């Protein structure tokens, strides 16, 4: 049987995915505004890498706050 935390996360997963996609779109648009001849594929890869790095850093911060 799933734990209450898993049930709660499942209830909000679609919203979380939408929020993450919105954040990606926000920064992809900024690249377009700031760099006239932007390489969109490179920009998208860099944005996703930065988002992953930010999540990794957040995970470390949360873990450190629990010890």
PDB file of N, CA and C in Angstrom:
ATOM      1  N   UNK A   1       0.844  -1.176   0.000  1.00  0.00           N
ATOM      2  CA  UNK A   1       0.000   0.000   0.000  1.00  0.00           C
ATOM      3  C   UNK A   1       0.894   1.245   0.000  1.00  0.00           C
ATOM      4  N   UNK A   2       0.571   2.208  -0.862  1.00  0.00           N
ATOM      5  CA  UNK A   2       1.383   3.426  -0.913  1.00  0.00           C
ATOM      6  C   UNK A   2       1.273   4.233   0.388  1.00  0.00           C
ATOM      7  N   UNK A   3       2.357   4.911   0.683  1.00  0.00           N
ATOM      8  CA  UNK A   3       2.360   5.797   1.851  1.00  0.00           C
ATOM      9  C   UNK A   3       1.596   7.069   1.504  1.00  0.00           C
ATOM     10  N   UNK A   4       1.170   7.764   2.526  1.00  0.00           N
ATOM     11  CA  UNK A   4       0.385   8.986   2.332  1.00  0.00           C
ATOM     12  C   UNK A   4       1.169  10.022   1.517  1.00  0.00           C
ATOM     13  N   UNK A   5       2.497  10.074   1.722  1.00  0.00           N
ATOM     14  CA  UNK A   5       3.327  11.033   0.982  1.00  0.00           C
ATOM     15  C   UNK A   5       3.326  10.723  -0.513  1.00  0.00           C
ATOM     16  N   UNK A   6       3.351   9.425  -0.854  1.00  0.00           N
ATOM     17  CA  UNK A   6       3.308   9.034  -2.261  1.00  0.00           C
ATOM     18  C   UNK A   6       1.959   9.370  -2.886  1.00  0.00           C
ATOM     19  N   UNK A   7       0.900   9.146  -2.153  1.00  0.00           N
ATOM     20  CA  UNK A   7      -0.431   9.495  -2.644  1.00  0.00           C
ATOM     21  C   UNK A   7      -0.552  10.998  -2.875  1.00  0.00           C
ATOM     22  N   UNK A   8      -0.025  11.753  -1.938  1.00  0.00           N
ATOM     23  CA  UNK A   8      -0.077  13.214  -2.058  1.00  0.00           C
ATOM     24  C   UNK A   8       0.735  13.681  -3.272  1.00  0.00           C
ATOM     25  N   UNK A   9       1.930  13.110  -3.454  1.00  0.00           N
ATOM     26  CA  UNK A   9       2.762  13.480  -4.596  1.00  0.00           C
ATOM     27  C   UNK A   9       2.071  13.112  -5.901  1.00  0.00           C
ATOM     28  N   UNK A  10       1.456  11.951  -5.948  1.00  0.00           N
ATOM     29  CA  UNK A  10       0.727  11.540  -7.145  1.00  0.00           C
ATOM     30  C   UNK A  10      -0.410  12.500  -7.475  1.00  0.00           C
ATOM     31  N   UNK A  11      -1.030  13.035  -6.451  1.00  0.00           N
ATOM     32  CA  UNK A  11      -2.132  13.972  -6.656  1.00  0.00           C
ATOM     33  C   UNK A  11      -1.646  15.289  -7.251  1.00  0.00           C
ATOM     34  N   UNK A  12      -0.378  15.626  -7.023  1.00  0.00           N
ATOM     35  CA  UNK A  12       0.148  16.915  -7.483  1.00  0.00           C
ATOM     36  C   UNK A  12       1.167  16.793  -8.612  1.00  0.00           C
ATOM     37  N   UNK A  13       1.426  15.572  -9.061  1.00  0.00           N
ATOM     38  CA  UNK A  13       2.469  15.345 -10.064  1.00  0.00           C
ATOM     39  C   UNK A  13       2.220  16.110 -11.364  1.00  0.00           C
ATOM     40  N   UNK A  14       1.015  16.121 -11.858  1.00  0.00           N
ATOM     41  CA  UNK A  14       0.713  16.830 -13.108  1.00  0.00           C
ATOM     42  C   UNK A  14       0.977  18.329 -12.961  1.00  0.00           C
ATOM     43  N   UNK A  15       0.613  18.884 -11.827  1.00  0.00           N
ATOM     44  CA  UNK A  15       0.860  20.309 -11.579  1.00  0.00           C
ATOM     45  C   UNK A  15       2.355  20.594 -11.498  1.00  0.00           C
ATOM     46  N   UNK A  16       3.096  19.727 -10.832  1.00  0.00           N
ATOM     47  CA  UNK A  16       4.544  19.892 -10.742  1.00  0.00           C
ATOM     48  C   UNK A  16       5.171  19.831 -12.134  1.00  0.00           C
ATOM     49  N   UNK A  17       4.764  18.855 -12.938  1.00  0.00           N
ATOM     50  CA  UNK A  17       5.291  18.742 -14.294  1.00  0.00           C
ATOM     51  C   UNK A  17       4.987  19.987 -15.113  1.00  0.00           C
ATOM     52  N   UNK A  18       3.787  20.504 -14.969  1.00  0.00           N
ATOM     53  CA  UNK A  18       3.402  21.726 -15.675  1.00  0.00           C
ATOM     54  C   UNK A  18       4.242  22.920 -15.222  1.00  0.00           C
ATOM     55  N   UNK A  19       4.494  23.019 -13.923  1.00  0.00           N
ATOM     56  CA  UNK A  19       5.322  24.110 -13.391  1.00  0.00           C
ATOM     57  C   UNK A  19       6.748  24.032 -13.927  1.00  0.00           C
ATOM     58  N   UNK A  20       7.308  22.818 -13.985  1.00  0.00           N
ATOM     59  CA  UNK A  20       8.668  22.646 -14.489  1.00  0.00           C
ATOM     60  C   UNK A  20       8.720  23.010 -15.973  1.00  0.00           C
ATOM     61  N   UNK A  21       7.733  22.574 -16.726  1.00  0.00           N
ATOM     62  CA  UNK A  21       7.678  22.910 -18.145  1.00  0.00           C
ATOM     63  C   UNK A  21       7.561  24.430 -18.330  1.00  0.00           C
ATOM     64  N   UNK A  22       6.770  25.066 -17.510  1.00  0.00           N
ATOM     65  CA  UNK A  22       6.628  26.518 -17.574  1.00  0.00           C
ATOM     66  C   UNK A  22       7.932  27.232 -17.288  1.00  0.00           C
ATOM     67  N   UNK A  23       8.691  26.727 -16.327  1.00  0.00           N
ATOM     68  CA  UNK A  23       9.995  27.305 -16.009  1.00  0.00           C
ATOM     69  C   UNK A  23      10.946  27.154 -17.190  1.00  0.00           C
ATOM     70  N   UNK A  24      10.933  25.992 -17.818  1.00  0.00           N
ATOM     71  CA  UNK A  24      11.759  25.757 -18.998  1.00  0.00           C
ATOM     72  C   UNK A  24      11.381  26.733 -20.115  1.00  0.00           C
ATOM     73  N   UNK A  25      10.111  26.890 -20.377  1.00  0.00           N
ATOM     74  CA  UNK A  25       9.640  27.795 -21.425  1.00  0.00           C
ATOM     75  C   UNK A  25      10.039  29.233 -21.111  1.00  0.00           C
ATOM     76  N   UNK A  26       9.955  29.620 -19.853  1.00  0.00           N
ATOM     77  CA  UNK A  26      10.338  30.972 -19.429  1.00  0.00           C
ATOM     78  C   UNK A  26      11.790  31.265 -19.800  1.00  0.00           C
ATOM     79  N   UNK A  27      12.692  30.339 -19.471  1.00  0.00           N
ATOM     80  CA  UNK A  27      14.109  30.578 -19.742  1.00  0.00           C
ATOM     81  C   UNK A  27      14.455  30.401 -21.214  1.00  0.00           C
ATOM     82  N   UNK A  28      13.749  29.530 -21.919  1.00  0.00           N
ATOM     83  CA  UNK A  28      13.967  29.405 -23.357  1.00  0.00           C
ATOM     84  C   UNK A  28      13.602  30.712 -24.052  1.00  0.00           C
ATOM     85  N   UNK A  29      12.543  31.339 -23.611  1.00  0.00           N
ATOM     86  CA  UNK A  29      12.140  32.627 -24.186  1.00  0.00           C
ATOM     87  C   UNK A  29      13.181  33.704 -23.891  1.00  0.00           C
ATOM     88  N   UNK A  30      13.765  33.691 -22.711  1.00  0.00           N
ATOM     89  CA  UNK A  30      14.785  34.691 -22.363  1.00  0.00           C
ATOM     90  C   UNK A  30      16.002  34.585 -23.265  1.00  0.00           C
ATOM     91  N   UNK A  31      16.398  33.356 -23.613  1.00  0.00           N
ATOM     92  CA  UNK A  31      17.521  33.192 -24.536  1.00  0.00           C
ATOM     93  C   UNK A  31      17.185  33.864 -25.859  1.00  0.00           C
ATOM     94  N   UNK A  32      15.974  33.709 -26.332  1.00  0.00           N
ATOM     95  CA  UNK A  32      15.545  34.313 -27.582  1.00  0.00           C
ATOM     96  C   UNK A  32      15.564  35.827 -27.532  1.00  0.00           C
ATOM     97  N   UNK A  33      15.236  36.406 -26.386  1.00  0.00           N
ATOM     98  CA  UNK A  33      15.227  37.862 -26.258  1.00  0.00           C
ATOM     99  C   UNK A  33      16.641  38.422 -26.201  1.00  0.00           C
ATOM    100  N   UNK A  34      17.531  37.715 -25.501  1.00  0.00           N
ATOM    101  CA  UNK A  34      18.861  38.248 -25.225  1.00  0.00           C
ATOM    102  C   UNK A  34      19.883  37.967 -26.316  1.00  0.00           C
ATOM    103  N   UNK A  35      19.669  36.918 -27.091  1.00  0.00           N
ATOM    104  CA  UNK A  35      20.657  36.519 -28.094  1.00  0.00           C
ATOM    105  C   UNK A  35      19.952  36.402 -29.446  1.00  0.00           C
ATOM    106  N   UNK A  36      20.203  37.348 -30.357  1.00  0.00           N
ATOM    107  CA  UNK A  36      19.454  37.376 -31.623  1.00  0.00           C
ATOM    108  C   UNK A  36      19.556  36.086 -32.452  1.00  0.00           C
ATOM    109  N   UNK A  37      20.746  35.525 -32.608  1.00  0.00           N
ATOM    110  CA  UNK A  37      20.912  34.341 -33.440  1.00  0.00           C
ATOM    111  C   UNK A  37      21.240  33.122 -32.573  1.00  0.00           C
ATOM    112  N   UNK A  38      20.367  32.862 -31.631  1.00  0.00           N
ATOM    113  CA  UNK A  38      20.594  31.815 -30.648  1.00  0.00           C
ATOM    114  C   UNK A  38      20.485  30.423 -31.291  1.00  0.00           C
ATOM    115  N   UNK A  39      21.329  29.512 -30.833  1.00  0.00           N
ATOM    116  CA  UNK A  39      21.237  28.099 -31.199  1.00  0.00           C
ATOM    117  C   UNK A  39      20.218  27.488 -30.236  1.00  0.00           C
ATOM    118  N   UNK A  40      19.009  27.262 -30.710  1.00  0.00           N
ATOM    119  CA  UNK A  40      17.922  26.824 -29.831  1.00  0.00           C
ATOM    120  C   UNK A  40      18.202  25.472 -29.181  1.00  0.00           C
ATOM    121  N   UNK A  41      18.766  24.538 -29.929  1.00  0.00           N
ATOM    122  CA  UNK A  41      19.050  23.220 -29.346  1.00  0.00           C
ATOM    123  C   UNK A  41      20.071  23.324 -28.219  1.00  0.00           C
ATOM    124  N   UNK A  42      21.129  24.101 -28.443  1.00  0.00           N
ATOM    125  CA  UNK A  42      22.131  24.292 -27.401  1.00  0.00           C
ATOM    126  C   UNK A  42      21.510  24.998 -26.200  1.00  0.00           C
ATOM    127  N   UNK A  43      20.731  26.020 -26.455  1.00  0.00           N
ATOM    128  CA  UNK A  43      20.070  26.743 -25.366  1.00  0.00           C
ATOM    129  C   UNK A  43      19.203  25.815 -24.537  1.00  0.00           C
ATOM    130  N   UNK A  44      18.435  24.972 -25.201  1.00  0.00           N
ATOM    131  CA  UNK A  44      17.561  24.048 -24.483  1.00  0.00           C
ATOM    132  C   UNK A  44      18.366  23.064 -23.637  1.00  0.00           C
ATOM    133  N   UNK A  45      19.459  22.540 -24.196  1.00  0.00           N
ATOM    134  CA  UNK A  45      20.305  21.621 -23.419  1.00  0.00           C
ATOM    135  C   UNK A  45      20.893  22.321 -22.203  1.00  0.00           C
ATOM    136  N   UNK A  46      21.361  23.560 -22.388  1.00  0.00           N
ATOM    137  CA  UNK A  46      21.952  24.304 -21.270  1.00  0.00           C
ATOM    138  C   UNK A  46      20.921  24.595 -20.186  1.00  0.00           C
ATOM    139  N   UNK A  47      19.712  24.930 -20.589  1.00  0.00           N
ATOM    140  CA  UNK A  47      18.649  25.211 -19.617  1.00  0.00           C
ATOM    141  C   UNK A  47      18.338  23.954 -18.809  1.00  0.00           C
ATOM    142  N   UNK A  48      18.194  22.827 -19.494  1.00  0.00           N
ATOM    143  CA  UNK A  48      17.878  21.574 -18.798  1.00  0.00           C
ATOM    144  C   UNK A  48      19.020  21.167 -17.878  1.00  0.00           C
ATOM    145  N   UNK A  49      20.260  21.315 -18.335  1.00  0.00           N
ATOM    146  CA  UNK A  49      21.404  21.012 -17.468  1.00  0.00           C
ATOM    147  C   UNK A  49      21.391  21.883 -16.221  1.00  0.00           C
ATOM    148  N   UNK A  50      21.091  23.162 -16.395  1.00  0.00           N
ATOM    149  CA  UNK A  50      21.048  24.082 -15.257  1.00  0.00           C
ATOM    150  C   UNK A  50      19.913  23.736 -14.304  1.00  0.00           C
ATOM    151  N   UNK A  51      18.780  23.314 -14.854  1.00  0.00           N
ATOM    152  CA  UNK A  51      17.656  22.913 -14.010  1.00  0.00           C
ATOM    153  C   UNK A  51      18.022  21.670 -13.201  1.00  0.00           C
ATOM    154  N   UNK A  52      18.696  20.707 -13.843  1.00  0.00           N
ATOM    155  CA  UNK A  52      19.136  19.504 -13.123  1.00  0.00           C
ATOM    156  C   UNK A  52      20.129  19.854 -12.020  1.00  0.00           C
ATOM    157  N   UNK A  53      21.052  20.748 -12.341  1.00  0.00           N
ATOM    158  CA  UNK A  53      22.042  21.164 -11.349  1.00  0.00           C
ATOM    159  C   UNK A  53      21.349  21.855 -10.172  1.00  0.00           C
ATOM    160  N   UNK A  54      20.383  22.705 -10.472  1.00  0.00           N
ATOM    161  CA  UNK A  54      19.649  23.394  -9.407  1.00  0.00           C
ATOM    162  C   UNK A  54      18.906  22.390  -8.529  1.00  0.00           C
ATOM    163  N   UNK A  55      18.320  21.363  -9.137  1.00  0.00           N
ATOM    164  CA  UNK A  55      17.626  20.323  -8.360  1.00  0.00           C
ATOM    165  C   UNK A  55      18.604  19.532  -7.506  1.00  0.00           C
ATOM    166  N   UNK A  56      19.775  19.214  -8.066  1.00  0.00           N
ATOM    167  CA  UNK A  56      20.798  18.506  -7.286  1.00  0.00           C
ATOM    168  C   UNK A  56      21.237  19.340  -6.087  1.00  0.00           C
ATOM    169  N   UNK A  57      21.437  20.622  -6.301  1.00  0.00           N
ATOM    170  CA  UNK A  57      21.838  21.511  -5.207  1.00  0.00           C
ATOM    171  C   UNK A  57      20.736  21.612  -4.156  1.00  0.00           C
ATOM    172  N   UNK A  58      19.501  21.688  -4.603  1.00  0.00           N
ATOM    173  CA  UNK A  58      18.377  21.733  -3.677  1.00  0.00           C
ATOM    174  C   UNK A  58      18.307  20.453  -2.854  1.00  0.00           C
ATOM    175  N   UNK A  59      18.524  19.317  -3.509  1.00  0.00           N
ATOM    176  CA  UNK A  59      18.518  18.043  -2.789  1.00  0.00           C
ATOM    177  C   UNK A  59      19.587  18.012  -1.705  1.00  0.00           C
ATOM    178  N   UNK A  60      20.778  18.513  -2.014  1.00  0.00           N
ATOM    179  CA  UNK A  60      21.855  18.572  -1.023  1.00  0.00           C
ATOM    180  C   UNK A  60      21.490  19.497   0.135  1.00  0.00           C
ATOM    181  N   UNK A  61      20.893  20.637  -0.180  1.00  0.00           N
ATOM    182  CA  UNK A  61      20.498  21.587   0.865  1.00  0.00           C
ATOM    183  C   UNK A  61      19.454  20.985   1.791  1.00  0.00           C
ATOM    184  N   UNK A  62      18.479  20.300   1.201  1.00  0.00           N
ATOM    185  CA  UNK A  62      17.423  19.681   2.004  1.00  0.00           C
ATOM    186  C   UNK A  62      18.013  18.580   2.887  1.00  0.00           C
ATOM    187  N   UNK A  63      18.890  17.771   2.306  1.00  0.00           N
ATOM    188  CA  UNK A  63      19.517  16.700   3.079  1.00  0.00           C
ATOM    189  C   UNK A  63      20.355  17.279   4.223  1.00  0.00           C
ATOM    190  N   UNK A  64      21.082  18.359   3.952  1.00  0.00           N
ATOM    191  CA  UNK A  64      21.921  18.981   4.981  1.00  0.00           C
ATOM    192  C   UNK A  64      21.074  19.576   6.101  1.00  0.00           C
ATOM    193  N   UNK A  65      19.905  20.063   5.765  1.00  0.00           N
ATOM    194  CA  UNK A  65      19.063  20.668   6.793  1.00  0.00           C
ATOM    195  C   UNK A  65      18.432  19.611   7.702  1.00  0.00           C
ATOM    196  N   UNK A  66      18.448  18.357   7.276  1.00  0.00           N
ATOM    197  CA  UNK A  66      17.846  17.261   8.068  1.00  0.00           C
ATOM    198  C   UNK A  66      18.838  16.625   9.018  1.00  0.00           C
ATOM    199  N   UNK A  67      20.128  16.947   8.865  1.00  0.00           N
ATOM    200  CA  UNK A  67      21.141  16.311   9.721  1.00  0.00           C
ATOM    201  C   UNK A  67      21.481  17.158  10.911  1.00  0.00           C
TER     202      UNK A  67
END
